[in-house]
């Protein structure tokens, strides 16, 4: 069974299937990449909780940065947030994001209660 949560015309914020939760890309508010990353991860955490999961159950994360020059600043926030011993498989690349003020977007797949 596929369960979709917070579904609109274009996308669902959460999709659950066979014990896996897929989140839509999350962005955050703020002027710096650190502020946006913190806010983004807070949103990820809230969606995971809503889906019956948590940061220590993340399987994979894909991080898009508007500028790879922000890599170290984003990683400082990421490293402090990821539970020790539970780092997921992760990729990070540079991409033009949906709005010019956005500096980071994170896409997460995690294990969840079926």
N, C-alpha and C. Protein backbone atom coordinates (compact mmCIF):
# COMPACT_ATOMS: atom_id res chain seq x y z
N UNK A 1 0.83 -1.18 0.00
CA UNK A 1 0.00 0.00 0.00
C UNK A 1 0.88 1.25 0.00
N UNK A 2 0.49 2.22 -0.78
CA UNK A 2 1.17 3.51 -0.83
C UNK A 2 0.32 4.52 -0.08
N UNK A 3 0.95 5.22 0.87
CA UNK A 3 0.25 6.26 1.63
C UNK A 3 0.88 7.60 1.31
N UNK A 4 0.05 8.54 0.88
CA UNK A 4 0.52 9.89 0.57
C UNK A 4 -0.04 10.85 1.60
N UNK A 5 0.82 11.73 2.10
CA UNK A 5 0.42 12.68 3.14
C UNK A 5 0.72 14.09 2.66
N UNK A 6 -0.14 15.03 3.07
CA UNK A 6 0.00 16.42 2.65
C UNK A 6 0.15 16.51 1.13
N UNK A 7 -0.85 15.95 0.45
CA UNK A 7 -0.82 15.85 -1.00
C UNK A 7 -1.53 17.03 -1.65
N UNK A 8 -0.89 17.60 -2.63
CA UNK A 8 -1.47 18.67 -3.44
C UNK A 8 -1.50 18.23 -4.89
N UNK A 9 -1.80 19.14 -5.77
CA UNK A 9 -1.86 18.84 -7.20
C UNK A 9 -0.50 18.41 -7.75
N UNK A 10 0.56 19.09 -7.30
CA UNK A 10 1.89 18.87 -7.86
C UNK A 10 2.68 17.77 -7.15
N UNK A 11 2.52 17.65 -5.83
CA UNK A 11 3.35 16.70 -5.09
C UNK A 11 2.76 16.40 -3.73
N UNK A 12 3.29 15.34 -3.13
CA UNK A 12 3.01 15.01 -1.73
C UNK A 12 4.25 15.35 -0.94
N UNK A 13 4.08 15.88 0.27
CA UNK A 13 5.25 16.15 1.11
C UNK A 13 5.86 14.86 1.62
N UNK A 14 5.00 13.84 1.83
CA UNK A 14 5.44 12.55 2.37
C UNK A 14 4.78 11.44 1.56
N UNK A 15 5.57 10.44 1.18
CA UNK A 15 5.03 9.23 0.58
C UNK A 15 5.64 8.05 1.33
N UNK A 16 4.78 7.14 1.81
CA UNK A 16 5.23 5.96 2.54
C UNK A 16 4.88 4.71 1.74
N UNK A 17 5.84 3.76 1.69
CA UNK A 17 5.61 2.50 0.99
C UNK A 17 6.57 1.44 1.53
N UNK A 18 6.02 0.32 1.95
CA UNK A 18 6.83 -0.82 2.40
C UNK A 18 7.91 -0.45 3.42
N UNK A 19 7.55 0.35 4.42
CA UNK A 19 8.48 0.68 5.48
C UNK A 19 9.52 1.72 5.12
N UNK A 20 9.28 2.43 4.02
CA UNK A 20 10.20 3.50 3.61
C UNK A 20 9.39 4.77 3.43
N UNK A 21 9.94 5.89 3.91
CA UNK A 21 9.30 7.20 3.74
C UNK A 21 10.18 8.05 2.83
N UNK A 22 9.53 8.67 1.87
CA UNK A 22 10.18 9.56 0.91
C UNK A 22 9.65 10.96 1.16
N UNK A 23 10.54 11.92 1.40
CA UNK A 23 10.13 13.30 1.61
C UNK A 23 10.40 14.10 0.35
N UNK A 24 9.53 15.07 0.09
CA UNK A 24 9.81 16.00 -1.00
C UNK A 24 10.99 16.88 -0.58
N UNK A 25 11.60 17.55 -1.51
CA UNK A 25 12.72 18.43 -1.20
C UNK A 25 12.32 19.52 -0.22
N UNK A 26 13.18 19.75 0.76
CA UNK A 26 12.91 20.76 1.79
C UNK A 26 13.90 21.90 1.66
N UNK A 27 13.37 23.12 1.78
CA UNK A 27 14.21 24.32 1.80
C UNK A 27 13.93 25.04 3.11
N UNK A 28 14.77 25.99 3.44
CA UNK A 28 14.59 26.70 4.70
C UNK A 28 14.66 28.20 4.52
N UNK A 29 14.28 28.90 5.57
CA UNK A 29 14.33 30.36 5.57
C UNK A 29 15.64 30.84 6.18
N UNK A 30 16.03 32.05 5.84
CA UNK A 30 17.23 32.65 6.40
C UNK A 30 18.08 33.28 5.32
N UNK A 31 19.03 34.08 5.76
CA UNK A 31 19.91 34.78 4.81
C UNK A 31 21.17 33.99 4.48
N UNK A 32 21.65 33.18 5.43
CA UNK A 32 22.88 32.43 5.20
C UNK A 32 22.56 30.96 4.92
N UNK A 33 23.52 30.27 4.35
CA UNK A 33 23.30 28.84 4.09
C UNK A 33 23.17 28.09 5.42
N UNK A 34 23.86 28.53 6.46
CA UNK A 34 23.74 27.88 7.77
C UNK A 34 22.33 28.03 8.31
N UNK A 35 21.77 29.23 8.24
CA UNK A 35 20.39 29.45 8.71
C UNK A 35 19.40 28.63 7.90
N UNK A 36 19.56 28.64 6.59
CA UNK A 36 18.65 27.87 5.74
C UNK A 36 18.78 26.37 5.99
N UNK A 37 20.00 25.89 6.21
CA UNK A 37 20.21 24.47 6.47
C UNK A 37 19.56 24.07 7.79
N UNK A 38 19.75 24.87 8.85
CA UNK A 38 19.12 24.58 10.14
C UNK A 38 17.60 24.52 10.01
N UNK A 39 17.01 25.48 9.33
CA UNK A 39 15.56 25.52 9.16
C UNK A 39 15.08 24.34 8.31
N UNK A 40 15.81 24.06 7.27
CA UNK A 40 15.49 22.94 6.39
C UNK A 40 15.50 21.62 7.17
N UNK A 41 16.52 21.40 7.97
CA UNK A 41 16.63 20.16 8.75
C UNK A 41 15.56 20.08 9.82
N UNK A 42 15.15 21.21 10.35
CA UNK A 42 14.03 21.24 11.29
C UNK A 42 12.75 20.77 10.60
N UNK A 43 12.55 21.20 9.38
CA UNK A 43 11.38 20.78 8.59
C UNK A 43 11.46 19.28 8.27
N UNK A 44 12.65 18.82 7.90
CA UNK A 44 12.84 17.38 7.64
C UNK A 44 12.47 16.58 8.89
N UNK A 45 12.97 17.01 10.02
CA UNK A 45 12.71 16.31 11.28
C UNK A 45 11.20 16.25 11.58
N UNK A 46 10.48 17.36 11.38
CA UNK A 46 9.04 17.39 11.63
C UNK A 46 8.29 16.45 10.69
N UNK A 47 8.67 16.43 9.42
CA UNK A 47 8.01 15.52 8.47
C UNK A 47 8.31 14.06 8.79
N UNK A 48 9.56 13.79 9.17
CA UNK A 48 9.90 12.41 9.56
C UNK A 48 9.06 11.96 10.75
N UNK A 49 8.92 12.83 11.74
CA UNK A 49 8.12 12.50 12.91
C UNK A 49 6.67 12.22 12.51
N UNK A 50 6.13 13.07 11.65
CA UNK A 50 4.76 12.89 11.17
C UNK A 50 4.60 11.55 10.45
N UNK A 51 5.66 11.10 9.79
CA UNK A 51 5.62 9.85 9.02
C UNK A 51 5.97 8.62 9.86
N UNK A 52 6.28 8.81 11.14
CA UNK A 52 6.66 7.67 11.99
C UNK A 52 8.12 7.29 11.85
N UNK A 53 8.97 8.28 11.60
CA UNK A 53 10.41 8.04 11.46
C UNK A 53 11.17 9.09 12.26
N UNK A 54 12.49 9.15 12.06
CA UNK A 54 13.33 10.10 12.79
C UNK A 54 14.68 10.22 12.08
N UNK A 55 15.47 11.23 12.44
CA UNK A 55 16.77 11.42 11.78
C UNK A 55 17.70 10.21 11.87
N UNK A 56 17.60 9.41 12.93
CA UNK A 56 18.49 8.25 13.03
C UNK A 56 18.07 7.10 12.13
N UNK A 57 16.97 7.27 11.38
CA UNK A 57 16.49 6.24 10.46
C UNK A 57 16.63 6.67 9.00
N UNK A 58 17.32 7.79 8.76
CA UNK A 58 17.52 8.25 7.38
C UNK A 58 18.44 7.27 6.65
N UNK A 59 18.00 6.86 5.47
CA UNK A 59 18.77 5.95 4.64
C UNK A 59 19.65 6.71 3.65
N UNK A 60 19.07 7.76 3.05
CA UNK A 60 19.77 8.52 2.02
C UNK A 60 19.35 9.98 2.08
N UNK A 61 20.29 10.85 1.80
CA UNK A 61 20.01 12.28 1.68
C UNK A 61 20.69 12.81 0.43
N UNK A 62 19.98 13.66 -0.27
CA UNK A 62 20.54 14.36 -1.43
C UNK A 62 20.48 15.84 -1.11
N UNK A 63 21.62 16.49 -1.17
CA UNK A 63 21.72 17.91 -0.84
C UNK A 63 22.07 18.67 -2.11
N UNK A 64 21.26 19.69 -2.41
CA UNK A 64 21.55 20.59 -3.52
C UNK A 64 21.93 21.94 -2.95
N UNK A 65 23.05 22.46 -3.39
CA UNK A 65 23.51 23.80 -3.02
C UNK A 65 23.47 24.69 -4.25
N UNK A 66 23.05 25.94 -4.07
CA UNK A 66 23.07 26.89 -5.17
C UNK A 66 24.51 27.23 -5.56
N UNK A 67 25.43 27.08 -4.60
CA UNK A 67 26.84 27.39 -4.84
C UNK A 67 27.69 26.46 -3.98
N UNK A 68 28.54 25.67 -4.60
CA UNK A 68 29.37 24.72 -3.85
C UNK A 68 30.34 25.42 -2.92
N UNK A 69 30.50 26.73 -3.05
CA UNK A 69 31.33 27.48 -2.10
C UNK A 69 30.72 27.42 -0.70
N UNK A 70 29.41 27.08 -0.60
CA UNK A 70 28.73 26.97 0.70
C UNK A 70 28.85 25.58 1.32
N UNK A 71 29.59 24.69 0.69
CA UNK A 71 29.68 23.29 1.13
C UNK A 71 30.12 23.16 2.59
N UNK A 72 31.19 23.83 2.98
CA UNK A 72 31.70 23.71 4.35
C UNK A 72 30.71 24.27 5.38
N UNK A 73 30.08 25.39 5.06
CA UNK A 73 29.12 26.01 5.97
C UNK A 73 27.90 25.11 6.17
N UNK A 74 27.40 24.54 5.07
CA UNK A 74 26.27 23.61 5.16
C UNK A 74 26.67 22.38 5.96
N UNK A 75 27.86 21.83 5.68
CA UNK A 75 28.31 20.62 6.37
C UNK A 75 28.47 20.83 7.87
N UNK A 76 28.86 22.00 8.31
CA UNK A 76 29.00 22.26 9.75
C UNK A 76 27.65 22.08 10.44
N UNK A 77 26.58 22.56 9.82
CA UNK A 77 25.23 22.40 10.39
C UNK A 77 24.79 20.96 10.27
N UNK A 78 25.00 20.35 9.11
CA UNK A 78 24.61 18.95 8.88
C UNK A 78 25.28 18.03 9.89
N UNK A 79 26.59 18.18 10.04
CA UNK A 79 27.36 17.29 10.93
C UNK A 79 26.88 17.38 12.38
N UNK A 80 26.49 18.57 12.81
CA UNK A 80 25.99 18.75 14.18
C UNK A 80 24.59 18.15 14.34
N UNK A 81 23.85 18.03 13.25
CA UNK A 81 22.46 17.56 13.30
C UNK A 81 22.34 16.04 13.19
N UNK A 82 23.15 15.43 12.37
CA UNK A 82 23.04 13.98 12.14
C UNK A 82 23.42 13.22 13.41
N UNK A 83 22.54 12.32 13.87
CA UNK A 83 22.86 11.56 15.08
C UNK A 83 24.15 10.73 14.90
N UNK A 84 25.01 10.79 15.89
CA UNK A 84 26.29 10.08 15.82
C UNK A 84 26.06 8.60 15.53
N UNK A 85 26.81 8.08 14.57
CA UNK A 85 26.71 6.67 14.20
C UNK A 85 25.56 6.37 13.24
N UNK A 86 24.82 7.40 12.80
CA UNK A 86 23.67 7.18 11.93
C UNK A 86 23.74 8.01 10.65
N UNK A 87 24.95 8.29 10.18
CA UNK A 87 25.09 9.06 8.95
C UNK A 87 24.52 8.25 7.78
N UNK A 88 23.66 8.87 6.98
CA UNK A 88 23.07 8.17 5.85
C UNK A 88 24.01 8.19 4.63
N UNK A 89 23.65 7.42 3.62
CA UNK A 89 24.30 7.60 2.33
C UNK A 89 23.91 9.00 1.87
N UNK A 90 24.86 9.76 1.31
CA UNK A 90 24.55 11.15 0.97
C UNK A 90 25.29 11.58 -0.28
N UNK A 91 24.62 12.41 -1.06
CA UNK A 91 25.24 13.06 -2.21
C UNK A 91 25.00 14.55 -2.08
N UNK A 92 25.92 15.34 -2.62
CA UNK A 92 25.76 16.79 -2.58
C UNK A 92 26.23 17.35 -3.92
N UNK A 93 25.43 18.20 -4.52
CA UNK A 93 25.79 18.80 -5.79
C UNK A 93 25.31 20.23 -5.87
N UNK A 94 25.71 20.89 -6.94
CA UNK A 94 25.32 22.26 -7.17
C UNK A 94 24.20 22.29 -8.20
N UNK A 95 23.17 23.10 -7.94
CA UNK A 95 22.05 23.22 -8.87
C UNK A 95 21.40 24.59 -8.70
N UNK A 96 20.81 25.08 -9.77
CA UNK A 96 20.01 26.29 -9.64
C UNK A 96 18.70 25.89 -8.97
N UNK A 97 18.39 26.51 -7.85
CA UNK A 97 17.21 26.16 -7.07
C UNK A 97 16.00 26.98 -7.54
N UNK A 98 14.82 26.67 -7.01
CA UNK A 98 13.56 27.22 -7.51
C UNK A 98 13.45 28.74 -7.41
N UNK A 99 14.08 29.33 -6.39
CA UNK A 99 14.05 30.78 -6.21
C UNK A 99 15.47 31.28 -5.95
N UNK A 100 15.81 32.47 -6.41
CA UNK A 100 17.19 32.96 -6.28
C UNK A 100 17.69 33.07 -4.84
N UNK A 101 16.78 33.31 -3.87
CA UNK A 101 17.22 33.46 -2.48
C UNK A 101 17.52 32.11 -1.80
N UNK A 102 17.12 31.01 -2.41
CA UNK A 102 17.37 29.69 -1.82
C UNK A 102 18.82 29.28 -2.05
N UNK A 103 19.44 28.76 -0.99
CA UNK A 103 20.85 28.36 -1.06
C UNK A 103 21.04 26.87 -0.87
N UNK A 104 20.02 26.16 -0.29
CA UNK A 104 20.15 24.73 -0.03
C UNK A 104 18.78 24.07 -0.11
N UNK A 105 18.76 22.84 -0.63
CA UNK A 105 17.56 22.01 -0.64
C UNK A 105 18.01 20.59 -0.30
N UNK A 106 17.24 19.91 0.55
CA UNK A 106 17.61 18.57 0.99
C UNK A 106 16.43 17.62 0.75
N UNK A 107 16.74 16.47 0.16
CA UNK A 107 15.77 15.43 -0.14
C UNK A 107 16.16 14.21 0.68
N UNK A 108 15.20 13.62 1.41
CA UNK A 108 15.50 12.54 2.35
C UNK A 108 14.62 11.32 2.09
N UNK A 109 15.24 10.15 2.22
CA UNK A 109 14.54 8.86 2.22
C UNK A 109 14.92 8.18 3.54
N UNK A 110 13.92 7.65 4.26
CA UNK A 110 14.19 7.06 5.57
C UNK A 110 13.34 5.81 5.78
N UNK A 111 13.78 4.98 6.69
CA UNK A 111 12.98 3.84 7.14
C UNK A 111 11.88 4.37 8.05
N UNK A 112 10.73 3.72 8.03
CA UNK A 112 9.63 4.15 8.89
C UNK A 112 8.83 2.92 9.30
N UNK A 113 7.91 3.14 10.24
CA UNK A 113 7.00 2.07 10.63
C UNK A 113 6.04 1.82 9.48
N UNK A 114 5.88 0.58 9.10
CA UNK A 114 5.03 0.24 7.94
C UNK A 114 3.58 0.51 8.24
